Amino acid sequence: MSHQIRFSNGNGKHQHTIHKGESHQMGGEIFNAALLSFGLIFVGWALGALLLKIQGAEE
């Protein structure tokens, strides 16, 4: 079931079509961006800790 809202500029041609599911898709994109950012921060932290441990072991 698809709901559409159409805007017309008066001459009968439709300019924009907004689908109901777009807001849900945007929420998913924001969640994926947040998850990717958190994942990259965590990977960077883990690599930093590993490098510090390796350097500490060599001394």
N, C-alpha and C. Protein backbone atom coordinates (compact mmCIF):
# COMPACT_ATOMS: atom_id res chain seq x y z
N MET A 1 0.85 -1.17 0.00
CA MET A 1 0.00 0.00 0.00
C MET A 1 0.90 1.24 0.00
N SER A 2 0.76 2.07 -1.00
CA SER A 2 1.61 3.24 -1.13
C SER A 2 0.74 4.49 -1.13
N HIS A 3 1.08 5.42 -0.26
CA HIS A 3 0.38 6.70 -0.20
C HIS A 3 1.26 7.76 -0.83
N GLN A 4 0.70 8.58 -1.67
CA GLN A 4 1.47 9.62 -2.31
C GLN A 4 0.75 10.95 -2.14
N ILE A 5 1.55 12.01 -1.96
CA ILE A 5 1.02 13.37 -1.93
C ILE A 5 1.63 14.09 -3.13
N ARG A 6 0.79 14.64 -3.97
CA ARG A 6 1.28 15.31 -5.17
C ARG A 6 1.00 16.80 -5.09
N PHE A 7 2.00 17.58 -5.49
CA PHE A 7 1.86 19.02 -5.54
C PHE A 7 1.83 19.45 -7.01
N SER A 8 0.91 20.31 -7.33
CA SER A 8 0.77 20.76 -8.71
C SER A 8 1.00 22.26 -8.78
N ASN A 9 1.62 22.72 -9.88
CA ASN A 9 1.86 24.15 -10.03
C ASN A 9 0.73 24.83 -10.79
N GLY A 10 -0.38 24.15 -11.02
CA GLY A 10 -1.55 24.78 -11.61
C GLY A 10 -1.79 24.42 -13.06
N ASN A 11 -0.76 23.96 -13.76
CA ASN A 11 -0.98 23.62 -15.17
C ASN A 11 -1.21 22.13 -15.38
N GLY A 12 -1.39 21.40 -14.30
CA GLY A 12 -1.70 19.98 -14.41
C GLY A 12 -0.48 19.08 -14.31
N LYS A 13 0.73 19.63 -14.39
CA LYS A 13 1.93 18.81 -14.28
C LYS A 13 2.34 18.73 -12.81
N HIS A 14 2.68 17.54 -12.38
CA HIS A 14 3.06 17.34 -10.98
C HIS A 14 4.55 17.62 -10.82
N GLN A 15 4.85 18.47 -9.87
CA GLN A 15 6.24 18.87 -9.64
C GLN A 15 6.96 17.90 -8.70
N HIS A 16 6.37 17.62 -7.56
CA HIS A 16 7.04 16.81 -6.53
C HIS A 16 6.12 15.69 -6.08
N THR A 17 6.71 14.56 -5.79
CA THR A 17 5.97 13.44 -5.24
C THR A 17 6.68 13.01 -3.96
N ILE A 18 5.94 12.97 -2.87
CA ILE A 18 6.50 12.57 -1.58
C ILE A 18 5.89 11.23 -1.20
N HIS A 19 6.73 10.23 -0.99
CA HIS A 19 6.26 8.91 -0.59
C HIS A 19 6.24 8.84 0.93
N LYS A 20 5.30 8.11 1.45
CA LYS A 20 5.13 8.02 2.90
C LYS A 20 6.34 7.38 3.58
N GLY A 21 7.03 6.47 2.91
CA GLY A 21 8.13 5.75 3.52
C GLY A 21 9.44 6.51 3.58
N GLU A 22 9.51 7.71 3.02
CA GLU A 22 10.78 8.43 2.97
C GLU A 22 11.26 8.84 4.35
N SER A 23 10.36 9.21 5.25
CA SER A 23 10.80 9.62 6.58
C SER A 23 11.40 8.43 7.33
N HIS A 24 10.83 7.24 7.14
CA HIS A 24 11.38 6.04 7.78
C HIS A 24 12.77 5.73 7.20
N GLN A 25 12.92 5.91 5.90
CA GLN A 25 14.21 5.65 5.27
C GLN A 25 15.26 6.63 5.79
N MET A 26 14.89 7.90 5.97
CA MET A 26 15.84 8.88 6.50
C MET A 26 16.25 8.51 7.91
N GLY A 27 15.33 8.01 8.72
CA GLY A 27 15.67 7.58 10.07
C GLY A 27 16.68 6.44 10.04
N GLY A 28 16.51 5.53 9.10
CA GLY A 28 17.46 4.44 8.96
C GLY A 28 18.82 4.92 8.53
N GLU A 29 18.86 5.92 7.66
CA GLU A 29 20.15 6.47 7.21
C GLU A 29 20.86 7.16 8.36
N ILE A 30 20.11 7.87 9.19
CA ILE A 30 20.72 8.53 10.35
C ILE A 30 21.25 7.49 11.32
N PHE A 31 20.49 6.42 11.55
CA PHE A 31 20.94 5.35 12.44
C PHE A 31 22.21 4.69 11.90
N ASN A 32 22.24 4.42 10.59
CA ASN A 32 23.43 3.81 9.99
C ASN A 32 24.64 4.73 10.09
N ALA A 33 24.44 6.04 9.89
CA ALA A 33 25.55 6.98 10.01
C ALA A 33 26.08 7.02 11.44
N ALA A 34 25.17 7.01 12.42
CA ALA A 34 25.59 7.02 13.82
C ALA A 34 26.33 5.74 14.17
N LEU A 35 25.82 4.61 13.69
CA LEU A 35 26.46 3.33 13.97
C LEU A 35 27.85 3.26 13.33
N LEU A 36 27.98 3.76 12.09
CA LEU A 36 29.27 3.77 11.42
C LEU A 36 30.26 4.67 12.15
N SER A 37 29.81 5.85 12.58
CA SER A 37 30.68 6.76 13.31
C SER A 37 31.17 6.12 14.61
N PHE A 38 30.23 5.54 15.36
CA PHE A 38 30.61 4.90 16.62
C PHE A 38 31.58 3.75 16.36
N GLY A 39 31.31 2.99 15.31
CA GLY A 39 32.19 1.86 14.98
C GLY A 39 33.60 2.32 14.63
N LEU A 40 33.71 3.40 13.87
CA LEU A 40 35.04 3.91 13.50
C LEU A 40 35.79 4.44 14.72
N ILE A 41 35.07 5.11 15.62
CA ILE A 41 35.70 5.60 16.85
C ILE A 41 36.20 4.42 17.68
N PHE A 42 35.38 3.39 17.80
CA PHE A 42 35.76 2.22 18.59
C PHE A 42 36.97 1.50 17.97
N VAL A 43 36.98 1.36 16.65
CA VAL A 43 38.11 0.72 15.98
C VAL A 43 39.38 1.54 16.18
N GLY A 44 39.28 2.86 16.08
CA GLY A 44 40.44 3.72 16.31
C GLY A 44 40.96 3.59 17.72
N TRP A 45 40.05 3.55 18.69
CA TRP A 45 40.46 3.38 20.08
C TRP A 45 41.16 2.04 20.29
N ALA A 46 40.60 0.99 19.71
CA ALA A 46 41.19 -0.34 19.87
C ALA A 46 42.57 -0.40 19.23
N LEU A 47 42.74 0.20 18.06
CA LEU A 47 44.05 0.20 17.41
C LEU A 47 45.06 1.01 18.23
N GLY A 48 44.62 2.13 18.77
CA GLY A 48 45.51 2.94 19.61
C GLY A 48 45.95 2.17 20.84
N ALA A 49 45.01 1.49 21.51
CA ALA A 49 45.35 0.70 22.69
C ALA A 49 46.31 -0.44 22.33
N LEU A 50 46.07 -1.06 21.19
CA LEU A 50 46.96 -2.15 20.76
C LEU A 50 48.37 -1.64 20.48
N LEU A 51 48.46 -0.50 19.80
CA LEU A 51 49.79 0.07 19.53
C LEU A 51 50.51 0.46 20.81
N LEU A 52 49.79 1.02 21.77
CA LEU A 52 50.42 1.37 23.04
C LEU A 52 50.92 0.12 23.76
N LYS A 53 50.11 -0.96 23.68
CA LYS A 53 50.52 -2.20 24.34
C LYS A 53 51.77 -2.78 23.66
N ILE A 54 51.82 -2.71 22.32
CA ILE A 54 52.98 -3.21 21.59
C ILE A 54 54.22 -2.39 21.92
N GLN A 55 54.08 -1.08 21.96
CA GLN A 55 55.22 -0.22 22.28
C GLN A 55 55.70 -0.45 23.70
N GLY A 56 54.76 -0.65 24.61
CA GLY A 56 55.12 -0.89 26.00
C GLY A 56 55.84 -2.21 26.18
N ALA A 57 55.49 -3.20 25.37
CA ALA A 57 56.12 -4.52 25.48
C ALA A 57 57.54 -4.50 24.95
N GLU A 58 57.84 -3.60 24.00
CA GLU A 58 59.17 -3.57 23.41
C GLU A 58 60.18 -2.89 24.32
N GLU A 59 59.71 -2.05 25.24
CA GLU A 59 60.67 -1.31 26.09
C GLU A 59 61.27 -2.19 27.15
